[in-house]
Amino acid sequence: MPSMTIRPGSHIRLKGQSQYVPDFLVVRCEGDQCWVRQQTWNLDAQLQIGVTQIAIPDVDPAIMAQARGKIVSLNEYRMRRKG
């Protein structure tokens, strides 16, 4: 099973998040917990979530073939999926 590293500064979406709500910005992660915020929020305002709440997009085999099996950023994944 592939593993995932969530780095501070990454943009993520939550499971069930409305398409109209912008991506969350990862502030930090420790163990199975992450602290995220919206870019428009005050710097001290953060939401603590479990990593199981993060939406992980399905891997499209065509996109993986284009990437030659390499890991791509979520933004690049979205662009390739749309295009």
N, C-alpha and C. Protein backbone atom coordinates (compact mmCIF):
# COMPACT_ATOMS: atom_id res chain seq x y z
N MET A 1 0.84 -1.18 0.00
CA MET A 1 0.00 0.00 0.00
C MET A 1 0.89 1.24 0.00
N PRO A 2 0.60 2.24 -0.86
CA PRO A 2 1.41 3.44 -0.90
C PRO A 2 1.28 4.24 0.38
N SER A 3 2.33 4.95 0.72
CA SER A 3 2.28 5.81 1.90
C SER A 3 2.20 7.26 1.44
N MET A 4 1.86 8.13 2.37
CA MET A 4 1.69 9.53 2.04
C MET A 4 2.38 10.37 3.10
N THR A 5 3.11 11.37 2.68
CA THR A 5 3.72 12.32 3.59
C THR A 5 3.00 13.64 3.42
N ILE A 6 2.57 14.20 4.53
CA ILE A 6 1.87 15.48 4.49
C ILE A 6 2.82 16.52 5.07
N ARG A 7 3.25 17.42 4.23
CA ARG A 7 4.23 18.42 4.64
C ARG A 7 3.53 19.75 4.95
N PRO A 8 4.07 20.50 5.92
CA PRO A 8 3.55 21.85 6.17
C PRO A 8 3.61 22.66 4.88
N GLY A 9 2.58 23.43 4.63
CA GLY A 9 2.49 24.22 3.41
C GLY A 9 1.72 23.52 2.30
N SER A 10 1.42 22.23 2.50
CA SER A 10 0.64 21.49 1.51
C SER A 10 -0.82 21.95 1.56
N HIS A 11 -1.50 21.81 0.45
CA HIS A 11 -2.93 22.10 0.38
C HIS A 11 -3.68 20.78 0.32
N ILE A 12 -4.70 20.64 1.17
CA ILE A 12 -5.47 19.40 1.23
C ILE A 12 -6.96 19.71 1.22
N ARG A 13 -7.73 18.67 0.97
CA ARG A 13 -9.19 18.74 1.08
C ARG A 13 -9.62 17.69 2.09
N LEU A 14 -10.72 17.94 2.74
CA LEU A 14 -11.27 17.00 3.72
C LEU A 14 -12.34 16.15 3.06
N LYS A 15 -12.55 14.98 3.59
CA LYS A 15 -13.62 14.12 3.10
C LYS A 15 -14.95 14.85 3.26
N GLY A 16 -15.75 14.86 2.22
CA GLY A 16 -17.06 15.51 2.28
C GLY A 16 -17.02 17.03 2.18
N GLN A 17 -15.84 17.59 1.92
CA GLN A 17 -15.72 19.04 1.82
C GLN A 17 -16.41 19.54 0.56
N SER A 18 -17.21 20.57 0.70
CA SER A 18 -17.91 21.15 -0.44
C SER A 18 -16.90 21.66 -1.46
N GLN A 19 -17.24 21.54 -2.73
CA GLN A 19 -16.34 22.01 -3.78
C GLN A 19 -16.16 23.52 -3.74
N TYR A 20 -17.06 24.23 -3.05
CA TYR A 20 -16.99 25.68 -2.98
C TYR A 20 -16.07 26.17 -1.87
N VAL A 21 -15.67 25.27 -0.97
CA VAL A 21 -14.76 25.63 0.12
C VAL A 21 -13.33 25.45 -0.38
N PRO A 22 -12.47 26.47 -0.22
CA PRO A 22 -11.10 26.34 -0.70
C PRO A 22 -10.33 25.25 0.06
N ASP A 23 -9.22 24.81 -0.55
CA ASP A 23 -8.36 23.82 0.10
C ASP A 23 -7.85 24.37 1.44
N PHE A 24 -7.55 23.46 2.35
CA PHE A 24 -6.95 23.84 3.62
C PHE A 24 -5.43 23.82 3.48
N LEU A 25 -4.76 24.67 4.25
CA LEU A 25 -3.31 24.75 4.28
C LEU A 25 -2.83 23.97 5.51
N VAL A 26 -1.91 23.04 5.33
CA VAL A 26 -1.38 22.25 6.45
C VAL A 26 -0.37 23.11 7.21
N VAL A 27 -0.59 23.25 8.51
CA VAL A 27 0.32 24.00 9.37
C VAL A 27 1.39 23.06 9.92
N ARG A 28 0.94 21.90 10.46
CA ARG A 28 1.87 20.89 10.97
C ARG A 28 1.14 19.58 11.16
N CYS A 29 1.91 18.50 11.23
CA CYS A 29 1.36 17.16 11.49
C CYS A 29 2.23 16.47 12.53
N GLU A 30 1.60 15.78 13.44
CA GLU A 30 2.29 14.98 14.45
C GLU A 30 1.50 13.69 14.61
N GLY A 31 2.14 12.57 14.34
CA GLY A 31 1.46 11.28 14.45
C GLY A 31 0.28 11.23 13.51
N ASP A 32 -0.91 10.95 14.07
CA ASP A 32 -2.10 10.86 13.23
C ASP A 32 -2.97 12.12 13.29
N GLN A 33 -2.39 13.23 13.73
CA GLN A 33 -3.10 14.50 13.83
C GLN A 33 -2.43 15.56 12.97
N CYS A 34 -3.25 16.42 12.36
CA CYS A 34 -2.74 17.55 11.58
C CYS A 34 -3.49 18.81 12.02
N TRP A 35 -2.81 19.92 11.91
CA TRP A 35 -3.40 21.21 12.17
C TRP A 35 -3.44 21.96 10.85
N VAL A 36 -4.63 22.40 10.47
CA VAL A 36 -4.83 23.05 9.18
C VAL A 36 -5.57 24.36 9.38
N ARG A 37 -5.51 25.21 8.36
CA ARG A 37 -6.26 26.47 8.41
C ARG A 37 -6.57 26.91 6.99
N GLN A 38 -7.50 27.82 6.88
CA GLN A 38 -7.78 28.46 5.60
C GLN A 38 -6.83 29.66 5.47
N GLN A 39 -6.45 29.98 4.26
CA GLN A 39 -5.52 31.09 4.06
C GLN A 39 -6.08 32.42 4.51
N THR A 40 -7.40 32.55 4.54
CA THR A 40 -8.02 33.81 4.95
C THR A 40 -8.18 33.93 6.46
N TRP A 41 -7.94 32.83 7.19
CA TRP A 41 -8.06 32.85 8.64
C TRP A 41 -6.88 33.57 9.27
N ASN A 42 -7.09 34.05 10.50
CA ASN A 42 -6.01 34.60 11.31
C ASN A 42 -4.94 33.52 11.47
N LEU A 43 -3.68 33.89 11.54
CA LEU A 43 -2.59 32.91 11.64
C LEU A 43 -2.72 32.00 12.86
N ASP A 44 -3.35 32.48 13.94
CA ASP A 44 -3.51 31.67 15.14
C ASP A 44 -4.70 30.72 15.09
N ALA A 45 -5.59 30.90 14.12
CA ALA A 45 -6.78 30.06 14.00
C ALA A 45 -6.43 28.79 13.22
N GLN A 46 -6.56 27.65 13.89
CA GLN A 46 -6.23 26.38 13.27
C GLN A 46 -7.29 25.35 13.64
N LEU A 47 -7.46 24.37 12.78
CA LEU A 47 -8.39 23.27 13.00
C LEU A 47 -7.57 21.99 13.14
N GLN A 48 -7.77 21.25 14.23
CA GLN A 48 -7.07 19.99 14.43
C GLN A 48 -7.92 18.87 13.85
N ILE A 49 -7.31 18.08 12.97
CA ILE A 49 -8.03 16.99 12.32
C ILE A 49 -7.21 15.71 12.40
N GLY A 50 -7.87 14.59 12.28
CA GLY A 50 -7.19 13.31 12.15
C GLY A 50 -6.84 13.08 10.70
N VAL A 51 -5.72 12.41 10.44
CA VAL A 51 -5.32 12.19 9.04
C VAL A 51 -6.36 11.38 8.28
N THR A 52 -7.20 10.62 8.98
CA THR A 52 -8.24 9.85 8.30
C THR A 52 -9.34 10.75 7.73
N GLN A 53 -9.36 12.02 8.12
CA GLN A 53 -10.34 12.97 7.60
C GLN A 53 -9.91 13.59 6.27
N ILE A 54 -8.66 13.36 5.87
CA ILE A 54 -8.14 13.95 4.65
C ILE A 54 -8.61 13.14 3.44
N ALA A 55 -9.13 13.84 2.45
CA ALA A 55 -9.59 13.19 1.22
C ALA A 55 -8.37 12.87 0.36
N ILE A 56 -8.27 11.63 -0.05
CA ILE A 56 -7.18 11.19 -0.92
C ILE A 56 -7.82 10.83 -2.26
N PRO A 57 -7.42 11.54 -3.33
CA PRO A 57 -8.06 11.27 -4.62
C PRO A 57 -7.74 9.88 -5.12
N ASP A 58 -8.69 9.31 -5.87
CA ASP A 58 -8.45 8.02 -6.51
C ASP A 58 -7.33 8.18 -7.52
N VAL A 59 -6.52 7.18 -7.64
CA VAL A 59 -5.43 7.22 -8.61
C VAL A 59 -5.95 6.77 -9.96
N ASP A 60 -5.85 7.65 -10.92
CA ASP A 60 -6.27 7.34 -12.29
C ASP A 60 -5.07 6.72 -13.01
N PRO A 61 -5.19 5.48 -13.49
CA PRO A 61 -4.06 4.82 -14.16
C PRO A 61 -3.49 5.63 -15.32
N ALA A 62 -4.32 6.37 -16.04
CA ALA A 62 -3.83 7.18 -17.15
C ALA A 62 -2.91 8.29 -16.66
N ILE A 63 -3.26 8.88 -15.53
CA ILE A 63 -2.42 9.94 -14.96
C ILE A 63 -1.10 9.35 -14.47
N MET A 64 -1.16 8.19 -13.84
CA MET A 64 0.07 7.54 -13.38
C MET A 64 0.95 7.19 -14.56
N ALA A 65 0.36 6.80 -15.68
CA ALA A 65 1.15 6.47 -16.87
C ALA A 65 1.84 7.73 -17.40
N GLN A 66 1.12 8.87 -17.38
CA GLN A 66 1.71 10.13 -17.82
C GLN A 66 2.87 10.53 -16.91
N ALA A 67 2.73 10.24 -15.62
CA ALA A 67 3.76 10.61 -14.65
C ALA A 67 4.87 9.56 -14.59
N ARG A 68 4.73 8.49 -15.38
CA ARG A 68 5.70 7.39 -15.41
C ARG A 68 5.92 6.79 -14.02
N GLY A 69 4.84 6.68 -13.27
CA GLY A 69 4.88 6.05 -11.96
C GLY A 69 5.46 6.91 -10.86
N LYS A 70 5.83 8.15 -11.17
CA LYS A 70 6.40 9.04 -10.16
C LYS A 70 5.28 9.72 -9.38
N ILE A 71 5.59 10.13 -8.18
CA ILE A 71 4.63 10.85 -7.36
C ILE A 71 4.51 12.27 -7.91
N VAL A 72 3.27 12.74 -8.05
CA VAL A 72 3.03 14.10 -8.53
C VAL A 72 2.33 14.89 -7.44
N SER A 73 2.44 16.20 -7.51
CA SER A 73 1.76 17.05 -6.53
C SER A 73 0.25 16.97 -6.76
N LEU A 74 -0.51 17.30 -5.73
CA LEU A 74 -1.97 17.27 -5.85
C LEU A 74 -2.44 18.27 -6.90
N ASN A 75 -1.81 19.44 -6.97
CA ASN A 75 -2.20 20.44 -7.98
C ASN A 75 -1.93 19.91 -9.38
N GLU A 76 -0.77 19.28 -9.58
CA GLU A 76 -0.46 18.71 -10.90
C GLU A 76 -1.44 17.59 -11.24
N TYR A 77 -1.78 16.77 -10.23
CA TYR A 77 -2.75 15.69 -10.43
C TYR A 77 -4.08 16.26 -10.91
N ARG A 78 -4.54 17.32 -10.25
CA ARG A 78 -5.82 17.93 -10.61
C ARG A 78 -5.78 18.48 -12.03
N MET A 79 -4.65 19.15 -12.38
CA MET A 79 -4.53 19.72 -13.72
C MET A 79 -4.56 18.62 -14.78
N ARG A 80 -3.85 17.53 -14.54
CA ARG A 80 -3.82 16.43 -15.51
C ARG A 80 -5.18 15.76 -15.62
N ARG A 81 -5.87 15.68 -14.48
CA ARG A 81 -7.18 15.02 -14.50
C ARG A 81 -8.20 15.85 -15.27
N LYS A 82 -8.12 17.18 -15.13
CA LYS A 82 -9.04 18.07 -15.85
C LYS A 82 -8.73 18.10 -17.33
N GLY A 83 -7.43 18.09 -17.67
CA GLY A 83 -7.00 18.28 -19.05
C GLY A 83 -7.03 17.03 -19.80
